Structure formats: structure tokens, C-alpha cells
Amino acid sequence: MFVISNFLVALANLIVIIVDLYTWIIIARAVVSWVRVDAYHPVVRFIYQVTEPVLGRIRKVLPPFSGLDLSPMVLIFALIFLKSWLVPTFERLANILQ
């Protein structure tokens, strides 16, 4: 059972890394939207390609508020919730299986 326990701990750590990295990409997307940058720069295109599928879905549900796009903030809150719920769940399961 220790193999499954170690797998769950590794999965929890991977989730933390992925969620933190994606959060920073979303923050970079917000900063890029405030600053005039070349839209064809490879880094800017990567940021838009990685974030637009999720942010676009949130924008369909959440209308703009006084001209502000709140979808990055909603997505960051959702990622924080996901990380604070999923990671302890996997860690607790790992402790039970030890």
C-alpha cells in the first residue's frame, strides 16, 4: 500500500506545482492586457493560447462588470479552492493508506 500512498503524495505535489504555475500564467495574462505588447510575440501568444480556453468559458457565464474582465480573478479563486481541497484530500488518503 505504500506505493499507492507515495503516488498520492506525488500527485498532490504535482497538483500544487501545476496550479501555482497556471496561476502565475494568469497573472502574466492580466499584466500583458494592461501593457502595450506585440501580440505576435511567442511568449504572449503562448500565454493567450494557454489561458483563453478557460477564461473564455468563464466570460460566457460571467458578464463584464463596469467594463472590467473579472474572469482571471474568478479563475484564480477557483484554482485556490481546488488546490486547498484536492491536495489535503490526497495527502490524507496517503496517510490512511500507509
PDB file of N, CA and C in Angstrom:
ATOM      1  N   MET A   1       0.810  -1.210   0.000  1.00  0.00           N
ATOM      2  CA  MET A   1       0.000   0.000   0.000  1.00  0.00           C
ATOM      3  C   MET A   1       0.846   1.265   0.000  1.00  0.00           C
ATOM      4  N   PHE A   2       2.119   1.133   0.397  1.00  0.00           N
ATOM      5  CA  PHE A   2       2.969   2.320   0.442  1.00  0.00           C
ATOM      6  C   PHE A   2       3.197   2.889  -0.956  1.00  0.00           C
ATOM      7  N   VAL A   3       3.095   2.053  -1.985  1.00  0.00           N
ATOM      8  CA  VAL A   3       3.276   2.536  -3.350  1.00  0.00           C
ATOM      9  C   VAL A   3       2.139   3.486  -3.721  1.00  0.00           C
ATOM     10  N   ILE A   4       0.928   3.101  -3.397  1.00  0.00           N
ATOM     11  CA  ILE A   4      -0.224   3.967  -3.674  1.00  0.00           C
ATOM     12  C   ILE A   4      -0.143   5.229  -2.827  1.00  0.00           C
ATOM     13  N   SER A   5       0.292   5.089  -1.598  1.00  0.00           N
ATOM     14  CA  SER A   5       0.445   6.242  -0.716  1.00  0.00           C
ATOM     15  C   SER A   5       1.462   7.229  -1.281  1.00  0.00           C
ATOM     16  N   ASN A   6       2.603   6.721  -1.717  1.00  0.00           N
ATOM     17  CA  ASN A   6       3.618   7.597  -2.313  1.00  0.00           C
ATOM     18  C   ASN A   6       3.129   8.229  -3.608  1.00  0.00           C
ATOM     19  N   PHE A   7       2.363   7.456  -4.385  1.00  0.00           N
ATOM     20  CA  PHE A   7       1.794   8.002  -5.617  1.00  0.00           C
ATOM     21  C   PHE A   7       0.860   9.165  -5.318  1.00  0.00           C
ATOM     22  N   LEU A   8       0.020   9.038  -4.303  1.00  0.00           N
ATOM     23  CA  LEU A   8      -0.908  10.106  -3.943  1.00  0.00           C
ATOM     24  C   LEU A   8      -0.177  11.351  -3.448  1.00  0.00           C
ATOM     25  N   VAL A   9       0.895  11.161  -2.701  1.00  0.00           N
ATOM     26  CA  VAL A   9       1.697  12.309  -2.248  1.00  0.00           C
ATOM     27  C   VAL A   9       2.347  12.995  -3.449  1.00  0.00           C
ATOM     28  N   ALA A  10       2.882  12.214  -4.375  1.00  0.00           N
ATOM     29  CA  ALA A  10       3.492  12.784  -5.577  1.00  0.00           C
ATOM     30  C   ALA A  10       2.454  13.500  -6.424  1.00  0.00           C
ATOM     31  N   LEU A  11       1.259  12.942  -6.514  1.00  0.00           N
ATOM     32  CA  LEU A  11       0.180  13.585  -7.269  1.00  0.00           C
ATOM     33  C   LEU A  11      -0.236  14.901  -6.624  1.00  0.00           C
ATOM     34  N   ALA A  12      -0.298  14.928  -5.311  1.00  0.00           N
ATOM     35  CA  ALA A  12      -0.622  16.164  -4.602  1.00  0.00           C
ATOM     36  C   ALA A  12       0.440  17.226  -4.852  1.00  0.00           C
ATOM     37  N   ASN A  13       1.708  16.839  -4.814  1.00  0.00           N
ATOM     38  CA  ASN A  13       2.782  17.796  -5.095  1.00  0.00           C
ATOM     39  C   ASN A  13       2.734  18.294  -6.528  1.00  0.00           C
ATOM     40  N   LEU A  14       2.408  17.423  -7.458  1.00  0.00           N
ATOM     41  CA  LEU A  14       2.284  17.818  -8.860  1.00  0.00           C
ATOM     42  C   LEU A  14       1.137  18.794  -9.054  1.00  0.00           C
ATOM     43  N   ILE A  15       0.042  18.568  -8.371  1.00  0.00           N
ATOM     44  CA  ILE A  15      -1.103  19.483  -8.456  1.00  0.00           C
ATOM     45  C   ILE A  15      -0.716  20.855  -7.934  1.00  0.00           C
ATOM     46  N   VAL A  16       0.019  20.903  -6.844  1.00  0.00           N
ATOM     47  CA  VAL A  16       0.472  22.191  -6.291  1.00  0.00           C
ATOM     48  C   VAL A  16       1.318  22.934  -7.310  1.00  0.00           C
ATOM     49  N   ILE A  17       2.253  22.242  -7.931  1.00  0.00           N
ATOM     50  CA  ILE A  17       3.140  22.887  -8.903  1.00  0.00           C
ATOM     51  C   ILE A  17       2.355  23.381 -10.115  1.00  0.00           C
ATOM     52  N   ILE A  18       1.469  22.562 -10.647  1.00  0.00           N
ATOM     53  CA  ILE A  18       0.710  22.938 -11.840  1.00  0.00           C
ATOM     54  C   ILE A  18      -0.223  24.105 -11.544  1.00  0.00           C
ATOM     55  N   VAL A  19      -0.917  24.063 -10.423  1.00  0.00           N
ATOM     56  CA  VAL A  19      -1.837  25.147 -10.079  1.00  0.00           C
ATOM     57  C   VAL A  19      -1.075  26.447  -9.837  1.00  0.00           C
ATOM     58  N   ASP A  20       0.048  26.387  -9.157  1.00  0.00           N
ATOM     59  CA  ASP A  20       0.837  27.599  -8.927  1.00  0.00           C
ATOM     60  C   ASP A  20       1.372  28.169 -10.239  1.00  0.00           C
ATOM     61  N   LEU A  21       1.872  27.316 -11.110  1.00  0.00           N
ATOM     62  CA  LEU A  21       2.380  27.770 -12.399  1.00  0.00           C
ATOM     63  C   LEU A  21       1.273  28.392 -13.242  1.00  0.00           C
ATOM     64  N   TYR A  22       0.114  27.749 -13.283  1.00  0.00           N
ATOM     65  CA  TYR A  22      -1.007  28.279 -14.062  1.00  0.00           C
ATOM     66  C   TYR A  22      -1.506  29.601 -13.472  1.00  0.00           C
ATOM     67  N   THR A  23      -1.469  29.730 -12.159  1.00  0.00           N
ATOM     68  CA  THR A  23      -1.855  30.995 -11.526  1.00  0.00           C
ATOM     69  C   THR A  23      -0.928  32.118 -11.973  1.00  0.00           C
ATOM     70  N   TRP A  24       0.378  31.847 -12.021  1.00  0.00           N
ATOM     71  CA  TRP A  24       1.320  32.877 -12.467  1.00  0.00           C
ATOM     72  C   TRP A  24       1.127  33.211 -13.945  1.00  0.00           C
ATOM     73  N   ILE A  25       0.748  32.229 -14.750  1.00  0.00           N
ATOM     74  CA  ILE A  25       0.465  32.500 -16.167  1.00  0.00           C
ATOM     75  C   ILE A  25      -0.767  33.384 -16.292  1.00  0.00           C
ATOM     76  N   ILE A  26      -1.771  33.165 -15.464  1.00  0.00           N
ATOM     77  CA  ILE A  26      -2.968  34.009 -15.486  1.00  0.00           C
ATOM     78  C   ILE A  26      -2.616  35.432 -15.054  1.00  0.00           C
ATOM     79  N   ILE A  27      -1.781  35.572 -14.040  1.00  0.00           N
ATOM     80  CA  ILE A  27      -1.350  36.903 -13.607  1.00  0.00           C
ATOM     81  C   ILE A  27      -0.574  37.587 -14.729  1.00  0.00           C
ATOM     82  N   ALA A  28       0.281  36.835 -15.416  1.00  0.00           N
ATOM     83  CA  ALA A  28       1.015  37.399 -16.554  1.00  0.00           C
ATOM     84  C   ALA A  28       0.047  37.835 -17.647  1.00  0.00           C
ATOM     85  N   ARG A  29      -1.005  37.085 -17.862  1.00  0.00           N
ATOM     86  CA  ARG A  29      -2.020  37.451 -18.866  1.00  0.00           C
ATOM     87  C   ARG A  29      -2.679  38.768 -18.495  1.00  0.00           C
ATOM     88  N   ALA A  30      -2.990  38.945 -17.223  1.00  0.00           N
ATOM     89  CA  ALA A  30      -3.604  40.201 -16.786  1.00  0.00           C
ATOM     90  C   ALA A  30      -2.644  41.369 -16.970  1.00  0.00           C
ATOM     91  N   VAL A  31      -1.385  41.176 -16.634  1.00  0.00           N
ATOM     92  CA  VAL A  31      -0.396  42.248 -16.798  1.00  0.00           C
ATOM     93  C   VAL A  31      -0.202  42.573 -18.271  1.00  0.00           C
ATOM     94  N   VAL A  32      -0.158  41.550 -19.111  1.00  0.00           N
ATOM     95  CA  VAL A  32       0.003  41.769 -20.554  1.00  0.00           C
ATOM     96  C   VAL A  32      -1.187  42.545 -21.117  1.00  0.00           C
ATOM     97  N   SER A  33      -2.360  42.326 -20.566  1.00  0.00           N
ATOM     98  CA  SER A  33      -3.533  43.047 -21.070  1.00  0.00           C
ATOM     99  C   SER A  33      -3.507  44.525 -20.687  1.00  0.00           C
ATOM    100  N   TRP A  34      -2.746  44.893 -19.667  1.00  0.00           N
ATOM    101  CA  TRP A  34      -2.658  46.291 -19.250  1.00  0.00           C
ATOM    102  C   TRP A  34      -1.580  47.049 -20.013  1.00  0.00           C
ATOM    103  N   VAL A  35      -0.595  46.320 -20.542  1.00  0.00           N
ATOM    104  CA  VAL A  35       0.577  46.940 -21.167  1.00  0.00           C
ATOM    105  C   VAL A  35       0.512  46.704 -22.676  1.00  0.00           C
ATOM    106  N   ARG A  36       1.001  47.660 -23.413  1.00  0.00           N
ATOM    107  CA  ARG A  36       1.036  47.506 -24.864  1.00  0.00           C
ATOM    108  C   ARG A  36       2.221  46.623 -25.230  1.00  0.00           C
ATOM    109  N   VAL A  37       1.913  45.439 -25.755  1.00  0.00           N
ATOM    110  CA  VAL A  37       2.945  44.497 -26.163  1.00  0.00           C
ATOM    111  C   VAL A  37       2.635  44.004 -27.568  1.00  0.00           C
ATOM    112  N   ASP A  38       3.621  43.392 -28.191  1.00  0.00           N
ATOM    113  CA  ASP A  38       3.445  42.810 -29.509  1.00  0.00           C
ATOM    114  C   ASP A  38       2.610  41.536 -29.375  1.00  0.00           C
ATOM    115  N   ALA A  39       1.440  41.530 -29.983  1.00  0.00           N
ATOM    116  CA  ALA A  39       0.534  40.384 -29.865  1.00  0.00           C
ATOM    117  C   ALA A  39       1.085  39.149 -30.570  1.00  0.00           C
ATOM    118  N   TYR A  40       2.064  39.318 -31.437  1.00  0.00           N
ATOM    119  CA  TYR A  40       2.628  38.185 -32.168  1.00  0.00           C
ATOM    120  C   TYR A  40       3.911  37.654 -31.538  1.00  0.00           C
ATOM    121  N   HIS A  41       4.291  38.187 -30.409  1.00  0.00           N
ATOM    122  CA  HIS A  41       5.472  37.673 -29.704  1.00  0.00           C
ATOM    123  C   HIS A  41       5.151  36.263 -29.219  1.00  0.00           C
ATOM    124  N   PRO A  42       6.099  35.341 -29.359  1.00  0.00           N
ATOM    125  CA  PRO A  42       5.808  33.942 -28.991  1.00  0.00           C
ATOM    126  C   PRO A  42       5.376  33.752 -27.543  1.00  0.00           C
ATOM    127  N   VAL A  43       5.950  34.509 -26.626  1.00  0.00           N
ATOM    128  CA  VAL A  43       5.568  34.363 -25.212  1.00  0.00           C
ATOM    129  C   VAL A  43       4.132  34.839 -25.004  1.00  0.00           C
ATOM    130  N   VAL A  44       3.788  35.960 -25.612  1.00  0.00           N
ATOM    131  CA  VAL A  44       2.426  36.491 -25.475  1.00  0.00           C
ATOM    132  C   VAL A  44       1.426  35.539 -26.117  1.00  0.00           C
ATOM    133  N   ARG A  45       1.761  34.990 -27.270  1.00  0.00           N
ATOM    134  CA  ARG A  45       0.859  34.030 -27.923  1.00  0.00           C
ATOM    135  C   ARG A  45       0.691  32.783 -27.070  1.00  0.00           C
ATOM    136  N   PHE A  46       1.779  32.313 -26.449  1.00  0.00           N
ATOM    137  CA  PHE A  46       1.687  31.142 -25.568  1.00  0.00           C
ATOM    138  C   PHE A  46       0.764  31.424 -24.386  1.00  0.00           C
ATOM    139  N   ILE A  47       0.925  32.592 -23.773  1.00  0.00           N
ATOM    140  CA  ILE A  47       0.087  32.945 -22.622  1.00  0.00           C
ATOM    141  C   ILE A  47      -1.380  32.965 -23.025  1.00  0.00           C
ATOM    142  N   TYR A  48      -1.686  33.571 -24.172  1.00  0.00           N
ATOM    143  CA  TYR A  48      -3.072  33.627 -24.620  1.00  0.00           C
ATOM    144  C   TYR A  48      -3.607  32.244 -24.978  1.00  0.00           C
ATOM    145  N   GLN A  49      -2.800  31.412 -25.630  1.00  0.00           N
ATOM    146  CA  GLN A  49      -3.261  30.078 -26.016  1.00  0.00           C
ATOM    147  C   GLN A  49      -3.520  29.186 -24.797  1.00  0.00           C
ATOM    148  N   VAL A  50      -2.746  29.376 -23.755  1.00  0.00           N
ATOM    149  CA  VAL A  50      -2.899  28.532 -22.564  1.00  0.00           C
ATOM    150  C   VAL A  50      -4.080  28.984 -21.710  1.00  0.00           C
ATOM    151  N   THR A  51      -4.339  30.287 -21.662  1.00  0.00           N
ATOM    152  CA  THR A  51      -5.370  30.791 -20.752  1.00  0.00           C
ATOM    153  C   THR A  51      -6.725  31.026 -21.410  1.00  0.00           C
ATOM    154  N   GLU A  52      -6.752  31.295 -22.685  1.00  0.00           N
ATOM    155  CA  GLU A  52      -8.013  31.686 -23.327  1.00  0.00           C
ATOM    156  C   GLU A  52      -9.099  30.617 -23.286  1.00  0.00           C
ATOM    157  N   PRO A  53      -8.788  29.315 -23.454  1.00  0.00           N
ATOM    158  CA  PRO A  53      -9.892  28.338 -23.388  1.00  0.00           C
ATOM    159  C   PRO A  53     -10.653  28.378 -22.064  1.00  0.00           C
ATOM    160  N   VAL A  54      -9.959  28.531 -20.961  1.00  0.00           N
ATOM    161  CA  VAL A  54     -10.627  28.543 -19.658  1.00  0.00           C
ATOM    162  C   VAL A  54     -11.265  29.905 -19.400  1.00  0.00           C
ATOM    163  N   LEU A  55     -10.532  30.975 -19.672  1.00  0.00           N
ATOM    164  CA  LEU A  55     -11.077  32.309 -19.421  1.00  0.00           C
ATOM    165  C   LEU A  55     -12.270  32.601 -20.335  1.00  0.00           C
ATOM    166  N   GLY A  56     -12.246  32.089 -21.553  1.00  0.00           N
ATOM    167  CA  GLY A  56     -13.373  32.285 -22.464  1.00  0.00           C
ATOM    168  C   GLY A  56     -14.650  31.651 -21.948  1.00  0.00           C
ATOM    169  N   ARG A  57     -14.525  30.475 -21.359  1.00  0.00           N
ATOM    170  CA  ARG A  57     -15.708  29.809 -20.787  1.00  0.00           C
ATOM    171  C   ARG A  57     -16.257  30.585 -19.599  1.00  0.00           C
ATOM    172  N   ILE A  58     -15.353  31.142 -18.790  1.00  0.00           N
ATOM    173  CA  ILE A  58     -15.812  31.926 -17.638  1.00  0.00           C
ATOM    174  C   ILE A  58     -16.488  33.201 -18.118  1.00  0.00           C
ATOM    175  N   ARG A  59     -15.940  33.828 -19.160  1.00  0.00           N
ATOM    176  CA  ARG A  59     -16.546  35.060 -19.694  1.00  0.00           C
ATOM    177  C   ARG A  59     -17.947  34.827 -20.245  1.00  0.00           C
ATOM    178  N   LYS A  60     -18.215  33.629 -20.770  1.00  0.00           N
ATOM    179  CA  LYS A  60     -19.556  33.323 -21.272  1.00  0.00           C
ATOM    180  C   LYS A  60     -20.578  33.315 -20.146  1.00  0.00           C
ATOM    181  N   VAL A  61     -20.147  32.872 -18.971  1.00  0.00           N
ATOM    182  CA  VAL A  61     -21.045  32.792 -17.818  1.00  0.00           C
ATOM    183  C   VAL A  61     -21.087  34.112 -17.061  1.00  0.00           C
ATOM    184  N   LEU A  62     -19.939  34.763 -16.926  1.00  0.00           N
ATOM    185  CA  LEU A  62     -19.801  35.969 -16.120  1.00  0.00           C
ATOM    186  C   LEU A  62     -19.688  37.188 -17.040  1.00  0.00           C
ATOM    187  N   PRO A  63     -20.711  38.031 -17.084  1.00  0.00           N
ATOM    188  CA  PRO A  63     -20.619  39.216 -17.952  1.00  0.00           C
ATOM    189  C   PRO A  63     -19.630  40.236 -17.387  1.00  0.00           C
ATOM    190  N   PRO A  64     -19.109  41.122 -18.252  1.00  0.00           N
ATOM    191  CA  PRO A  64     -18.175  42.145 -17.747  1.00  0.00           C
ATOM    192  C   PRO A  64     -18.863  43.057 -16.731  1.00  0.00           C
ATOM    193  N   PHE A  65     -18.127  43.422 -15.714  1.00  0.00           N
ATOM    194  CA  PHE A  65     -18.645  44.276 -14.651  1.00  0.00           C
ATOM    195  C   PHE A  65     -18.043  45.657 -14.812  1.00  0.00           C
ATOM    196  N   SER A  66     -18.837  46.621 -15.243  1.00  0.00           N
ATOM    197  CA  SER A  66     -18.393  48.003 -15.461  1.00  0.00           C
ATOM    198  C   SER A  66     -17.173  48.061 -16.375  1.00  0.00           C
ATOM    199  N   GLY A  67     -17.153  47.222 -17.388  1.00  0.00           N
ATOM    200  CA  GLY A  67     -16.051  47.214 -18.331  1.00  0.00           C
ATOM    201  C   GLY A  67     -14.839  46.430 -17.872  1.00  0.00           C
ATOM    202  N   LEU A  68     -14.896  45.840 -16.681  1.00  0.00           N
ATOM    203  CA  LEU A  68     -13.783  45.053 -16.165  1.00  0.00           C
ATOM    204  C   LEU A  68     -13.995  43.573 -16.452  1.00  0.00           C
ATOM    205  N   ASP A  69     -12.934  42.917 -16.856  1.00  0.00           N
ATOM    206  CA  ASP A  69     -12.975  41.482 -17.069  1.00  0.00           C
ATOM    207  C   ASP A  69     -12.550  40.811 -15.770  1.00  0.00           C
ATOM    208  N   LEU A  70     -13.503  40.217 -15.074  1.00  0.00           N
ATOM    209  CA  LEU A  70     -13.222  39.583 -13.795  1.00  0.00           C
ATOM    210  C   LEU A  70     -12.905  38.102 -13.921  1.00  0.00           C
ATOM    211  N   SER A  71     -12.855  37.594 -15.144  1.00  0.00           N
ATOM    212  CA  SER A  71     -12.618  36.161 -15.322  1.00  0.00           C
ATOM    213  C   SER A  71     -11.259  35.700 -14.788  1.00  0.00           C
ATOM    214  N   PRO A  72     -10.156  36.472 -14.922  1.00  0.00           N
ATOM    215  CA  PRO A  72      -8.909  35.986 -14.309  1.00  0.00           C
ATOM    216  C   PRO A  72      -9.007  35.854 -12.790  1.00  0.00           C
ATOM    217  N   MET A  73      -9.675  36.789 -12.150  1.00  0.00           N
ATOM    218  CA  MET A  73      -9.814  36.727 -10.702  1.00  0.00           C
ATOM    219  C   MET A  73     -10.675  35.523 -10.294  1.00  0.00           C
ATOM    220  N   VAL A  74     -11.742  35.277 -11.023  1.00  0.00           N
ATOM    221  CA  VAL A  74     -12.598  34.131 -10.724  1.00  0.00           C
ATOM    222  C   VAL A  74     -11.825  32.829 -10.904  1.00  0.00           C
ATOM    223  N   LEU A  75     -11.029  32.759 -11.968  1.00  0.00           N
ATOM    224  CA  LEU A  75     -10.246  31.555 -12.213  1.00  0.00           C
ATOM    225  C   LEU A  75      -9.178  31.343 -11.144  1.00  0.00           C
ATOM    226  N   ILE A  76      -8.540  32.400 -10.699  1.00  0.00           N
ATOM    227  CA  ILE A  76      -7.539  32.276  -9.637  1.00  0.00           C
ATOM    228  C   ILE A  76      -8.197  31.801  -8.342  1.00  0.00           C
ATOM    229  N   PHE A  77      -9.366  32.343  -8.013  1.00  0.00           N
ATOM    230  CA  PHE A  77     -10.079  31.878  -6.820  1.00  0.00           C
ATOM    231  C   PHE A  77     -10.461  30.402  -6.951  1.00  0.00           C
ATOM    232  N   ALA A  78     -10.888  29.996  -8.141  1.00  0.00           N
ATOM    233  CA  ALA A  78     -11.248  28.591  -8.358  1.00  0.00           C
ATOM    234  C   ALA A  78     -10.025  27.694  -8.220  1.00  0.00           C
ATOM    235  N   LEU A  79      -8.875  28.145  -8.701  1.00  0.00           N
ATOM    236  CA  LEU A  79      -7.653  27.356  -8.568  1.00  0.00           C
ATOM    237  C   LEU A  79      -7.205  27.258  -7.109  1.00  0.00           C
ATOM    238  N   ILE A  80      -7.346  28.343  -6.374  1.00  0.00           N
ATOM    239  CA  ILE A  80      -7.008  28.316  -4.949  1.00  0.00           C
ATOM    240  C   ILE A  80      -7.924  27.334  -4.211  1.00  0.00           C
ATOM    241  N   PHE A  81      -9.210  27.372  -4.534  1.00  0.00           N
ATOM    242  CA  PHE A  81     -10.140  26.436  -3.915  1.00  0.00           C
ATOM    243  C   PHE A  81      -9.787  24.999  -4.279  1.00  0.00           C
ATOM    244  N   LEU A  82      -9.493  24.761  -5.548  1.00  0.00           N
ATOM    245  CA  LEU A  82      -9.158  23.419  -6.000  1.00  0.00           C
ATOM    246  C   LEU A  82      -7.915  22.899  -5.287  1.00  0.00           C
ATOM    247  N   LYS A  83      -6.903  23.767  -5.184  1.00  0.00           N
ATOM    248  CA  LYS A  83      -5.664  23.352  -4.524  1.00  0.00           C
ATOM    249  C   LYS A  83      -5.881  23.106  -3.032  1.00  0.00           C
ATOM    250  N   SER A  84      -6.662  23.952  -2.386  1.00  0.00           N
ATOM    251  CA  SER A  84      -6.869  23.795  -0.944  1.00  0.00           C
ATOM    252  C   SER A  84      -7.800  22.628  -0.618  1.00  0.00           C
ATOM    253  N   TRP A  85      -8.525  22.125  -1.599  1.00  0.00           N
ATOM    254  CA  TRP A  85      -9.401  20.982  -1.360  1.00  0.00           C
ATOM    255  C   TRP A  85      -8.755  19.673  -1.809  1.00  0.00           C
ATOM    256  N   LEU A  86      -8.178  19.665  -2.996  1.00  0.00           N
ATOM    257  CA  LEU A  86      -7.659  18.431  -3.558  1.00  0.00           C
ATOM    258  C   LEU A  86      -6.376  17.958  -2.893  1.00  0.00           C
ATOM    259  N   VAL A  87      -5.454  18.865  -2.659  1.00  0.00           N
ATOM    260  CA  VAL A  87      -4.154  18.476  -2.102  1.00  0.00           C
ATOM    261  C   VAL A  87      -4.303  17.867  -0.701  1.00  0.00           C
ATOM    262  N   PRO A  88      -5.020  18.501   0.229  1.00  0.00           N
ATOM    263  CA  PRO A  88      -5.181  17.843   1.540  1.00  0.00           C
ATOM    264  C   PRO A  88      -5.934  16.514   1.459  1.00  0.00           C
ATOM    265  N   THR A  89      -6.856  16.403   0.506  1.00  0.00           N
ATOM    266  CA  THR A  89      -7.573  15.139   0.344  1.00  0.00           C
ATOM    267  C   THR A  89      -6.617  14.029  -0.057  1.00  0.00           C
ATOM    268  N   PHE A  90      -5.756  14.299  -1.036  1.00  0.00           N
ATOM    269  CA  PHE A  90      -4.784  13.287  -1.447  1.00  0.00           C
ATOM    270  C   PHE A  90      -3.790  12.981  -0.337  1.00  0.00           C
ATOM    271  N   GLU A  91      -3.362  13.995   0.394  1.00  0.00           N
ATOM    272  CA  GLU A  91      -2.419  13.760   1.483  1.00  0.00           C
ATOM    273  C   GLU A  91      -3.050  12.945   2.611  1.00  0.00           C
ATOM    274  N   ARG A  92      -4.307  13.211   2.913  1.00  0.00           N
ATOM    275  CA  ARG A  92      -4.984  12.443   3.961  1.00  0.00           C
ATOM    276  C   ARG A  92      -5.195  10.997   3.527  1.00  0.00           C
ATOM    277  N   LEU A  93      -5.562  10.809   2.254  1.00  0.00           N
ATOM    278  CA  LEU A  93      -5.694   9.436   1.741  1.00  0.00           C
ATOM    279  C   LEU A  93      -4.362   8.703   1.807  1.00  0.00           C
ATOM    280  N   ALA A  94      -3.280   9.413   1.494  1.00  0.00           N
ATOM    281  CA  ALA A  94      -1.956   8.799   1.563  1.00  0.00           C
ATOM    282  C   ALA A  94      -1.619   8.387   2.990  1.00  0.00           C
ATOM    283  N   ASN A  95      -1.977   9.233   3.949  1.00  0.00           N
ATOM    284  CA  ASN A  95      -1.709   8.891   5.356  1.00  0.00           C
ATOM    285  C   ASN A  95      -2.539   7.696   5.814  1.00  0.00           C
ATOM    286  N   ILE A  96      -3.757   7.595   5.336  1.00  0.00           N
ATOM    287  CA  ILE A  96      -4.618   6.466   5.698  1.00  0.00           C
ATOM    288  C   ILE A  96      -4.063   5.161   5.132  1.00  0.00           C
ATOM    289  N   LEU A  97      -3.512   5.224   3.916  1.00  0.00           N
ATOM    290  CA  LEU A  97      -3.022   4.024   3.250  1.00  0.00           C
ATOM    291  C   LEU A  97      -1.654   3.575   3.733  1.00  0.00           C
ATOM    292  N   GLN A  98      -0.975   4.347   4.536  1.00  0.00           N
ATOM    293  CA  GLN A  98       0.364   3.957   4.987  1.00  0.00           C
ATOM    294  C   GLN A  98       0.339   2.819   5.934  1.00  0.00           C
TER     295      GLN A  98
END
